[in-house]
């Protein structure tokens, strides 16, 4: 899916063509690994995007218009890395853009322009929804939004990127600034569950 690219492209097309219905068929198809539902790999990244696009689709206001939002999407390891000891051959159906899959994609939804810093790399991003890609490097992914050197939002992903995966796992990992709000709304004070297989 190019991390979140295909998902966003399809939702944009639904909006531009004024689709009367949007049906997400594989929202919870866990056994085949192409689900989008929240769990310890996807967390709430796709949910945050769906909430944003759903409101555009029905002509509601941006649900995040009053705050900065950032979502990181990435694979736990690059496509050229061979898992060991459990390597299951993955057959791609269709064309896969390895450049986009082998990157860290950060989606920002901002009320005004800001600085986005990912693992020490700093770029300017405009207001609205913006996609920015960064190099996939082993280790944690730290995302920060700031203005005039004042930090607005920041997070470090519980799961890390690795160069030594133990098993085949081509799920897209995501984490975002909205995690706590979504988790607390659904699960209250229960301790969050995270994927931390490759974290130190």
Protein backbone atom coordinates (compact mmCIF):
# COMPACT_ATOMS: atom_id res chain seq x y z
CA UNK A 1 0.00 0.00 0.00
CA UNK A 2 3.01 2.32 -0.09
CA UNK A 3 2.58 2.61 3.70
CA UNK A 4 -0.52 4.87 3.78
CA UNK A 5 -0.35 6.12 0.16
CA UNK A 6 -2.89 3.75 -1.43
CA UNK A 7 -5.31 4.22 1.47
CA UNK A 8 -5.17 8.01 1.11
CA UNK A 9 -5.36 7.89 -2.69
CA UNK A 10 -8.51 5.78 -2.58
CA UNK A 11 -10.20 8.00 0.00
CA UNK A 12 -9.27 11.13 -1.99
CA UNK A 13 -10.81 9.53 -5.09
CA UNK A 14 -14.01 8.74 -3.16
CA UNK A 15 -14.25 12.37 -2.10
CA UNK A 16 -13.47 13.84 -5.54
CA UNK A 17 -16.05 11.56 -7.19
CA UNK A 18 -18.64 12.17 -4.45
CA UNK A 19 -19.00 8.43 -3.72
CA UNK A 20 -22.33 7.61 -2.06
CA UNK A 21 -20.73 4.81 -0.01
CA UNK A 22 -17.22 3.92 1.15
CA UNK A 23 -16.79 0.26 2.04
CA UNK A 24 -13.50 -0.77 3.67
CA UNK A 25 -13.59 -4.51 3.05
CA UNK A 26 -10.41 -5.53 4.86
CA UNK A 27 -10.79 -3.43 8.00
CA UNK A 28 -10.46 -6.48 10.27
CA UNK A 29 -9.15 -9.31 8.06
CA UNK A 30 -6.41 -10.28 10.52
CA UNK A 31 -5.51 -13.81 9.25
CA UNK A 32 -4.25 -12.49 5.90
CA UNK A 33 -2.37 -9.54 7.39
CA UNK A 34 -3.93 -6.82 5.22
CA UNK A 35 -6.32 -5.44 7.84
CA UNK A 36 -6.38 -1.76 8.82
CA UNK A 37 -8.09 -2.09 12.20
CA UNK A 38 -6.29 -0.77 15.28
CA UNK A 39 -3.97 -3.27 16.96
CA UNK A 40 -0.39 -3.30 18.25
CA UNK A 41 1.13 -2.83 14.77
CA UNK A 42 -1.23 -0.32 13.18
CA UNK A 43 -2.18 1.31 16.49
CA UNK A 44 -4.55 4.17 15.49
CA UNK A 45 -2.73 5.58 12.45
CA UNK A 46 -5.23 4.43 9.84
CA UNK A 47 -8.12 5.35 12.17
CA UNK A 48 -6.85 8.92 12.47
CA UNK A 49 -6.66 9.19 8.67
CA UNK A 50 -10.08 7.60 8.21
CA UNK A 51 -11.63 10.05 10.67
CA UNK A 52 -10.04 12.96 8.79
CA UNK A 53 -11.19 11.79 5.34
CA UNK A 54 -14.63 10.72 6.54
CA UNK A 55 -15.30 14.26 7.73
CA UNK A 56 -14.11 15.71 4.41
CA UNK A 57 -16.36 13.25 2.59
CA UNK A 58 -19.50 14.27 4.51
CA UNK A 59 -18.55 17.98 4.38
CA UNK A 60 -17.86 18.27 8.10
CA UNK A 61 -15.06 20.37 9.52
CA UNK A 62 -11.62 18.88 10.04
CA UNK A 63 -11.82 16.97 13.36
CA UNK A 64 -8.22 17.98 14.11
CA UNK A 65 -8.51 21.66 13.12
CA UNK A 66 -7.68 22.87 16.64
CA UNK A 67 -4.41 20.97 17.15
CA UNK A 68 -1.29 19.54 15.54
CA UNK A 69 -1.45 15.91 14.46
CA UNK A 70 1.38 13.68 13.23
CA UNK A 71 1.25 10.02 12.16
CA UNK A 72 4.32 7.90 11.40
CA UNK A 73 4.08 4.88 9.08
CA UNK A 74 6.92 2.44 8.39
CA UNK A 75 7.90 -1.20 7.93
CA UNK A 76 9.85 -2.86 10.75
CA UNK A 77 12.64 -3.66 8.29
CA UNK A 78 13.57 -2.82 4.69
CA UNK A 79 12.46 -5.09 1.85
CA UNK A 80 16.06 -6.10 1.13
CA UNK A 81 16.61 -7.51 4.64
CA UNK A 82 16.19 -11.29 5.11
CA UNK A 83 14.50 -12.37 8.36
CA UNK A 84 16.29 -15.08 10.36
CA UNK A 85 15.44 -17.74 11.45
CA UNK A 86 11.82 -17.50 10.23
CA UNK A 87 11.80 -16.31 6.63
CA UNK A 88 8.52 -16.88 4.81
CA UNK A 89 8.59 -15.96 1.12
CA UNK A 90 6.28 -13.04 0.41
CA UNK A 91 4.74 -12.83 -3.06
CA UNK A 92 3.73 -9.31 -4.07
CA UNK A 93 0.54 -9.01 -6.09
CA UNK A 94 0.87 -6.08 -8.46
CA UNK A 95 3.60 -3.47 -8.44
CA UNK A 96 5.30 -2.53 -5.18
CA UNK A 97 7.15 0.76 -4.87
CA UNK A 98 10.06 -0.26 -2.65
CA UNK A 99 11.20 3.36 -2.33
CA UNK A 100 7.99 4.28 -0.55
CA UNK A 101 7.81 1.01 1.40
CA UNK A 102 11.42 1.40 2.56
CA UNK A 103 10.90 4.84 4.08
CA UNK A 104 9.37 6.48 7.11
CA UNK A 105 6.23 8.30 6.01
CA UNK A 106 4.99 11.04 8.32
CA UNK A 107 1.55 12.58 7.76
CA UNK A 108 0.99 15.94 9.40
CA UNK A 109 -2.38 17.65 9.82
CA UNK A 110 -1.68 21.18 11.01
CA UNK A 111 -3.70 24.39 11.55
CA UNK A 112 -0.62 26.42 10.57
CA UNK A 113 2.85 25.84 9.12
CA UNK A 114 5.42 24.26 11.44
CA UNK A 115 8.76 22.46 11.65
CA UNK A 116 8.68 18.67 11.49
CA UNK A 117 11.67 16.81 12.91
CA UNK A 118 12.08 13.06 12.41
CA UNK A 119 15.14 11.39 13.92
CA UNK A 120 17.02 14.68 13.88
CA UNK A 121 16.10 15.65 10.29
CA UNK A 122 14.23 18.95 10.22
CA UNK A 123 11.86 20.12 7.44
CA UNK A 124 9.23 22.86 7.10
CA UNK A 125 5.68 21.67 6.52
CA UNK A 126 2.62 23.75 5.54
CA UNK A 127 -0.82 23.80 7.12
CA UNK A 128 -3.34 21.12 6.19
CA UNK A 129 -2.53 17.47 5.43
CA UNK A 130 1.03 16.92 4.21
CA UNK A 131 3.06 13.77 3.51
CA UNK A 132 6.80 13.81 4.16
CA UNK A 133 9.17 10.85 3.72
CA UNK A 134 12.39 10.16 5.59
CA UNK A 135 15.08 7.49 5.35
CA UNK A 136 14.35 4.20 7.09
CA UNK A 137 17.16 3.73 9.60
CA UNK A 138 17.37 1.08 12.32
CA UNK A 139 16.21 2.31 15.72
CA UNK A 140 13.30 4.15 17.24
CA UNK A 141 11.40 6.78 15.24
CA UNK A 142 11.05 10.12 17.02
CA UNK A 143 8.63 12.69 15.60
CA UNK A 144 8.39 16.31 16.77
CA UNK A 145 6.28 19.26 15.63
CA UNK A 146 7.48 22.71 16.68
CA UNK A 147 7.14 26.41 15.92
CA UNK A 148 9.78 29.01 16.79
CA UNK A 149 11.71 26.34 18.72
CA UNK A 150 8.68 25.57 20.91
CA UNK A 151 7.60 21.91 20.80
CA UNK A 152 3.89 21.41 20.13
CA UNK A 153 3.74 17.59 19.86
CA UNK A 154 6.29 14.80 20.08
CA UNK A 155 6.40 11.01 20.33
CA UNK A 156 8.85 8.14 20.01
CA UNK A 157 7.49 4.92 18.55
CA UNK A 158 7.41 1.98 21.00
CA UNK A 159 8.47 -0.35 18.17
CA UNK A 160 11.77 0.18 16.36
CA UNK A 161 13.05 -0.42 12.86
CA UNK A 162 15.53 -3.31 12.76
CA UNK A 163 18.21 -4.67 10.46
CA UNK A 164 17.89 -8.12 12.09
CA UNK A 165 14.24 -9.23 11.97
CA UNK A 166 13.51 -12.61 13.52
CA UNK A 167 10.54 -13.42 11.29
CA UNK A 168 8.72 -12.25 8.19
CA UNK A 169 6.50 -9.31 9.12
CA UNK A 170 5.57 -6.92 6.29
CA UNK A 171 2.73 -5.21 8.17
CA UNK A 172 2.87 -1.44 8.17
CA UNK A 173 3.58 -0.11 11.64
CA UNK A 174 2.09 3.22 12.70
CA UNK A 175 2.06 5.48 15.71
CA UNK A 176 0.64 8.97 16.19
CA UNK A 177 0.05 11.96 18.43
CA UNK A 178 -3.58 10.90 18.97
CA UNK A 179 -2.77 7.50 20.51
CA UNK A 180 -3.56 8.42 24.13
CA UNK A 181 -6.88 10.10 23.29
CA UNK A 182 -8.05 7.17 21.18
CA UNK A 183 -6.86 4.58 23.70
CA UNK A 184 -8.43 6.34 26.72
CA UNK A 185 -11.75 6.80 24.91
CA UNK A 186 -11.97 3.08 24.11
CA UNK A 187 -10.13 1.39 26.99
CA UNK A 188 -10.18 3.94 29.81
CA UNK A 189 -7.34 3.58 32.31
CA UNK A 190 -6.22 0.12 31.14
CA UNK A 191 -2.50 -0.05 30.39
CA UNK A 192 -1.82 0.33 26.64
CA UNK A 193 -0.42 -2.65 24.72
CA UNK A 194 2.50 -1.98 22.38
CA UNK A 195 4.57 -3.92 19.90
CA UNK A 196 8.16 -3.69 21.19
CA UNK A 197 9.82 -6.72 19.58
CA UNK A 198 12.77 -4.77 18.18
CA UNK A 199 13.03 -2.02 20.79
CA UNK A 200 16.04 -2.19 23.15
